Amino acid sequence: QYLSESGERLAELRDDLAMLETNRADALHSLRLHAHRLVGSGGSYDFPEISRAARTLEELAMRSDGESAELEAAVNRVAETFRDAAAELGDASPPQ
């Protein structure tokens, strides 16, 4: 179930990235919050690799001035960890 909701979580992160163009402070705060939630939920659901990738994103967002390329790469890494976890479990519909 956790992995089935990952598409929604990734959409939130990508929406935050898109908001960086207009309102950096609010977007960075939202990105940090969403990443922080993934750090906790990844651990709670026994997906430590998702927690690690989300922690990296959270830390980047904390010290970022809104540079989206580095943040986008970190979001892509979170997405990759979700796909890897789904593949390991044989999920036929991994998150995008």
C-alpha atoms as a PDB file:
ATOM      1  CA  GLN A   1       0.000   0.000   0.000  1.00  0.00           C
ATOM      2  CA  TYR A   2       2.836   2.419   0.839  1.00  0.00           C
ATOM      3  CA  LEU A   3       4.355   2.014  -2.607  1.00  0.00           C
ATOM      4  CA  SER A   4       0.971   2.350  -4.300  1.00  0.00           C
ATOM      5  CA  GLU A   5       0.710   5.874  -2.882  1.00  0.00           C
ATOM      6  CA  SER A   6       4.201   6.860  -3.966  1.00  0.00           C
ATOM      7  CA  GLY A   7       2.950   8.493  -7.159  1.00  0.00           C
ATOM      8  CA  GLU A   8       1.040  11.009  -5.060  1.00  0.00           C
ATOM      9  CA  ARG A   9       4.075  11.697  -2.869  1.00  0.00           C
ATOM     10  CA  LEU A  10       6.295  12.198  -5.919  1.00  0.00           C
ATOM     11  CA  ALA A  11       3.704  14.533  -7.448  1.00  0.00           C
ATOM     12  CA  GLU A  12       3.860  16.657  -4.283  1.00  0.00           C
ATOM     13  CA  LEU A  13       7.641  16.899  -4.572  1.00  0.00           C
ATOM     14  CA  ARG A  14       7.444  17.816  -8.247  1.00  0.00           C
ATOM     15  CA  ASP A  15       4.772  20.424  -7.547  1.00  0.00           C
ATOM     16  CA  ASP A  16       7.105  21.947  -4.967  1.00  0.00           C
ATOM     17  CA  LEU A  17       9.869  22.102  -7.568  1.00  0.00           C
ATOM     18  CA  ALA A  18       7.536  23.840  -9.997  1.00  0.00           C
ATOM     19  CA  MET A  19       6.601  26.385  -7.311  1.00  0.00           C
ATOM     20  CA  LEU A  20      10.254  27.320  -6.861  1.00  0.00           C
ATOM     21  CA  GLU A  21       9.926  29.546  -9.901  1.00  0.00           C
ATOM     22  CA  THR A  22       7.355  31.780  -8.225  1.00  0.00           C
ATOM     23  CA  ASN A  23       7.734  31.547  -4.475  1.00  0.00           C
ATOM     24  CA  ARG A  24      11.003  30.106  -3.274  1.00  0.00           C
ATOM     25  CA  ALA A  25      10.491  30.407   0.474  1.00  0.00           C
ATOM     26  CA  ASP A  26       7.107  28.678   0.520  1.00  0.00           C
ATOM     27  CA  ALA A  27       8.203  26.085  -2.025  1.00  0.00           C
ATOM     28  CA  LEU A  28      11.361  25.217  -0.121  1.00  0.00           C
ATOM     29  CA  HIS A  29       9.414  24.919   3.107  1.00  0.00           C
ATOM     30  CA  SER A  30       6.876  22.616   1.449  1.00  0.00           C
ATOM     31  CA  LEU A  31       9.631  20.555  -0.183  1.00  0.00           C
ATOM     32  CA  ARG A  32      11.384  20.125   3.172  1.00  0.00           C
ATOM     33  CA  LEU A  33       8.128  19.103   4.820  1.00  0.00           C
ATOM     34  CA  HIS A  34       7.259  16.548   2.130  1.00  0.00           C
ATOM     35  CA  ALA A  35      10.783  15.138   2.164  1.00  0.00           C
ATOM     36  CA  HIS A  36      10.744  14.942   5.964  1.00  0.00           C
ATOM     37  CA  ARG A  37       7.512  12.958   5.875  1.00  0.00           C
ATOM     38  CA  LEU A  38       9.092  10.504   3.433  1.00  0.00           C
ATOM     39  CA  VAL A  39      12.091  10.108   5.717  1.00  0.00           C
ATOM     40  CA  GLY A  40       9.762   8.986   8.499  1.00  0.00           C
ATOM     41  CA  SER A  41       7.364   6.904   6.450  1.00  0.00           C
ATOM     42  CA  GLY A  42      10.159   5.113   4.617  1.00  0.00           C
ATOM     43  CA  GLY A  43      11.537   4.011   7.951  1.00  0.00           C
ATOM     44  CA  SER A  44       8.122   3.100   9.335  1.00  0.00           C
ATOM     45  CA  TYR A  45       7.369   0.887   6.343  1.00  0.00           C
ATOM     46  CA  ASP A  46      10.865  -0.645   6.298  1.00  0.00           C
ATOM     47  CA  PHE A  47      12.169   1.095   3.189  1.00  0.00           C
ATOM     48  CA  PRO A  48      15.442   2.550   4.497  1.00  0.00           C
ATOM     49  CA  GLU A  49      16.668   3.416   0.997  1.00  0.00           C
ATOM     50  CA  ILE A  50      13.654   5.687   0.519  1.00  0.00           C
ATOM     51  CA  SER A  51      14.388   7.319   3.869  1.00  0.00           C
ATOM     52  CA  ARG A  52      18.026   7.911   2.890  1.00  0.00           C
ATOM     53  CA  ALA A  53      17.117   9.464  -0.458  1.00  0.00           C
ATOM     54  CA  ALA A  54      14.451  11.632   1.165  1.00  0.00           C
ATOM     55  CA  ARG A  55      16.890  12.701   3.909  1.00  0.00           C
ATOM     56  CA  THR A  56      19.345  13.855   1.246  1.00  0.00           C
ATOM     57  CA  LEU A  57      16.557  15.847  -0.413  1.00  0.00           C
ATOM     58  CA  GLU A  58      15.480  17.334   2.903  1.00  0.00           C
ATOM     59  CA  GLU A  59      19.032  18.414   3.728  1.00  0.00           C
ATOM     60  CA  LEU A  60      19.511  19.942   0.278  1.00  0.00           C
ATOM     61  CA  ALA A  61      16.264  21.875   0.643  1.00  0.00           C
ATOM     62  CA  MET A  62      17.368  23.151   4.073  1.00  0.00           C
ATOM     63  CA  ARG A  63      20.539  24.694   2.721  1.00  0.00           C
ATOM     64  CA  SER A  64      19.325  25.548  -0.769  1.00  0.00           C
ATOM     65  CA  ASP A  65      18.795  29.008  -2.131  1.00  0.00           C
ATOM     66  CA  GLY A  66      16.214  27.558  -4.503  1.00  0.00           C
ATOM     67  CA  GLU A  67      18.608  26.161  -7.111  1.00  0.00           C
ATOM     68  CA  SER A  68      16.263  23.734  -8.785  1.00  0.00           C
ATOM     69  CA  ALA A  69      18.736  21.554 -10.726  1.00  0.00           C
ATOM     70  CA  GLU A  70      20.276  20.050  -7.598  1.00  0.00           C
ATOM     71  CA  LEU A  71      16.879  19.663  -5.955  1.00  0.00           C
ATOM     72  CA  GLU A  72      15.409  18.107  -9.084  1.00  0.00           C
ATOM     73  CA  ALA A  73      18.200  15.529  -9.145  1.00  0.00           C
ATOM     74  CA  ALA A  74      17.438  14.661  -5.519  1.00  0.00           C
ATOM     75  CA  VAL A  75      13.707  14.299  -6.270  1.00  0.00           C
ATOM     76  CA  ASN A  76      14.596  12.042  -9.194  1.00  0.00           C
ATOM     77  CA  ARG A  77      16.690   9.927  -6.837  1.00  0.00           C
ATOM     78  CA  VAL A  78      13.706   9.560  -4.484  1.00  0.00           C
ATOM     79  CA  ALA A  79      11.590   8.462  -7.457  1.00  0.00           C
ATOM     80  CA  GLU A  80      14.271   5.966  -8.435  1.00  0.00           C
ATOM     81  CA  THR A  81      14.293   4.445  -4.950  1.00  0.00           C
ATOM     82  CA  PHE A  82      10.516   4.021  -5.088  1.00  0.00           C
ATOM     83  CA  ARG A  83      10.832   2.288  -8.475  1.00  0.00           C
ATOM     84  CA  ASP A  84      13.600   0.045  -7.163  1.00  0.00           C
ATOM     85  CA  ALA A  85      11.542  -0.910  -4.114  1.00  0.00           C
ATOM     86  CA  ALA A  86       8.521  -1.696  -6.282  1.00  0.00           C
ATOM     87  CA  ALA A  87      10.658  -3.814  -8.610  1.00  0.00           C
ATOM     88  CA  GLU A  88      12.102  -5.757  -5.672  1.00  0.00           C
ATOM     89  CA  LEU A  89       8.582  -6.580  -4.531  1.00  0.00           C
ATOM     90  CA  GLY A  90       7.482  -7.512  -8.033  1.00  0.00           C
ATOM     91  CA  ASP A  91       5.072  -4.604  -8.342  1.00  0.00           C
ATOM     92  CA  ALA A  92       3.781  -4.498 -11.912  1.00  0.00           C
ATOM     93  CA  SER A  93       3.030  -0.774 -11.726  1.00  0.00           C
ATOM     94  CA  PRO A  94       5.998   1.079 -10.212  1.00  0.00           C
ATOM     95  CA  PRO A  95       5.642   4.823  -9.566  1.00  0.00           C
ATOM     96  CA  GLN A  96       6.669   7.287 -12.244  1.00  0.00           C
END
